Amino acid sequence: MSVPYIVLPPQGFKYAKLGDFATVVNLRNGKVGEAIIADESAPELPMGEGSIALARTLGIDPDPRNGGVEKGIAYVIYPGSGNGKPRALAEIVSTSRAHFQRWGGLLMLRGCLN
């Protein structure tokens, strides 16, 4: 099973923890993906690592060596939403979607970005 997950830099863990849910939006094509926070990156790396499964959902080249994008991705993270444990794909999708809708969805995201 491929899990859609994101990796946060250490400073991201001031607000969120492993196992929290997130919504990731490709601002270039409008595709939305649900994810879980699964790992911590090196401190010098910028925000924005995601799994191959998440890249595919977002319409991004998933190749680990040459894929990805440098910008145009928005992350909405729901602090305190997880329990620090792995989750099944169906739960990641349904829980993240519910949080995104309660937060205000794409309309709220557009407002935050403008």
Protein backbone atom coordinates (compact mmCIF):
# COMPACT_ATOMS: atom_id res chain seq x y z
CA MET A 1 0.00 0.00 0.00
CA SER A 2 1.27 3.47 -0.83
CA VAL A 3 0.67 5.99 1.90
CA PRO A 4 0.27 9.69 1.12
CA TYR A 5 2.50 11.41 3.65
CA ILE A 6 4.49 14.57 4.19
CA VAL A 7 7.78 15.25 5.96
CA LEU A 8 8.13 18.35 8.13
CA PRO A 9 11.33 20.21 8.99
CA PRO A 10 12.11 20.31 12.74
CA GLN A 11 10.54 23.77 13.19
CA GLY A 12 7.23 22.36 11.96
CA PHE A 13 7.04 20.21 15.06
CA LYS A 14 6.51 23.30 17.21
CA TYR A 15 2.93 23.13 15.94
CA ALA A 16 2.26 19.60 14.72
CA LYS A 17 3.34 16.07 15.55
CA LEU A 18 3.88 12.77 13.81
CA GLY A 19 0.55 11.26 12.85
CA ASP A 20 -1.29 14.56 12.42
CA PHE A 21 -3.39 14.90 9.30
CA ALA A 22 -2.85 17.36 6.44
CA THR A 23 -4.27 18.49 3.14
CA VAL A 24 -1.88 19.32 0.31
CA VAL A 25 -2.94 21.36 -2.73
CA ASN A 26 -1.14 21.67 -6.05
CA LEU A 27 -1.82 25.33 -6.85
CA ARG A 28 -0.81 24.84 -10.48
CA ASN A 29 -3.48 22.28 -11.38
CA GLY A 30 -5.92 22.49 -8.44
CA LYS A 31 -5.49 18.85 -7.39
CA VAL A 32 -6.00 18.16 -3.69
CA GLY A 33 -4.42 15.34 -1.72
CA GLU A 34 -4.87 14.08 1.80
CA ALA A 35 -1.84 13.08 3.86
CA ILE A 36 -0.42 12.23 7.25
CA ILE A 37 2.76 13.63 8.84
CA ALA A 38 5.15 10.69 8.84
CA ASP A 39 8.69 11.94 9.31
CA GLU A 40 11.06 14.79 10.13
CA SER A 41 13.52 16.17 7.59
CA ALA A 42 17.00 17.54 8.11
CA PRO A 43 16.92 21.10 9.52
CA GLU A 44 18.43 22.67 6.40
CA LEU A 45 15.82 21.26 4.03
CA PRO A 46 12.85 23.44 3.09
CA MET A 47 9.26 22.47 3.77
CA GLY A 48 7.81 20.26 1.13
CA GLU A 49 8.76 16.62 1.06
CA GLY A 50 5.99 14.24 0.19
CA SER A 51 5.58 10.58 -0.63
CA ILE A 52 5.39 9.08 -4.09
CA ALA A 53 1.71 8.32 -3.46
CA LEU A 54 1.02 11.98 -2.62
CA ALA A 55 2.91 13.20 -5.70
CA ARG A 56 0.80 10.96 -7.92
CA THR A 57 -2.42 12.26 -6.35
CA LEU A 58 -1.28 15.84 -6.94
CA GLY A 59 -0.25 15.25 -10.56
CA ILE A 60 3.44 15.77 -9.78
CA ASP A 61 6.24 13.66 -11.27
CA PRO A 62 6.78 11.08 -8.48
CA ASP A 63 10.34 10.10 -9.46
CA PRO A 64 12.42 10.28 -6.23
CA ARG A 65 15.54 11.49 -8.06
CA ASN A 66 14.18 13.87 -10.68
CA GLY A 67 10.53 14.49 -9.82
CA GLY A 68 8.82 16.94 -7.54
CA VAL A 69 8.36 20.68 -7.86
CA GLU A 70 10.08 23.60 -6.19
CA LYS A 71 6.99 25.73 -5.56
CA GLY A 72 3.26 25.96 -6.11
CA ILE A 73 2.23 23.57 -3.33
CA ALA A 74 0.18 24.59 -0.27
CA TYR A 75 0.07 22.60 2.96
CA VAL A 76 -2.78 22.78 5.46
CA ILE A 77 -1.85 20.92 8.63
CA TYR A 78 -4.24 20.10 11.46
CA PRO A 79 -2.25 20.24 14.73
CA GLY A 80 -3.36 17.75 17.37
CA SER A 81 -5.46 15.76 14.89
CA GLY A 82 -3.50 12.53 15.03
CA ASN A 83 -2.43 9.99 17.61
CA GLY A 84 1.18 9.45 16.53
CA LYS A 85 0.41 6.10 14.94
CA PRO A 86 0.17 4.91 11.33
CA ARG A 87 -3.28 5.02 9.77
CA ALA A 88 -4.99 3.16 6.95
CA LEU A 89 -5.32 4.96 3.62
CA ALA A 90 -9.12 5.23 3.92
CA GLU A 91 -8.80 6.88 7.33
CA ILE A 92 -6.14 9.32 6.12
CA VAL A 93 -8.37 10.37 3.23
CA SER A 94 -11.65 10.64 5.14
CA THR A 95 -10.21 12.38 8.21
CA SER A 96 -8.14 14.87 6.23
CA ARG A 97 -11.09 15.69 3.96
CA ALA A 98 -13.33 16.30 6.98
CA HIS A 99 -10.75 18.62 8.57
CA PHE A 100 -10.27 20.52 5.30
CA GLN A 101 -14.00 21.07 4.88
CA ARG A 102 -14.42 22.22 8.51
CA TRP A 103 -11.48 24.60 8.05
CA GLY A 104 -13.14 26.16 4.99
CA GLY A 105 -11.68 24.18 2.08
CA LEU A 106 -10.35 25.76 -1.09
CA LEU A 107 -12.22 29.01 -0.48
CA MET A 108 -10.39 29.52 2.83
CA LEU A 109 -7.06 28.51 1.29
CA ARG A 110 -7.47 31.02 -1.53
CA GLY A 111 -8.26 33.70 1.03
CA CYS A 112 -5.11 32.88 3.00
CA LEU A 113 -2.96 32.99 -0.13
CA ASN A 114 -4.28 36.32 -1.44
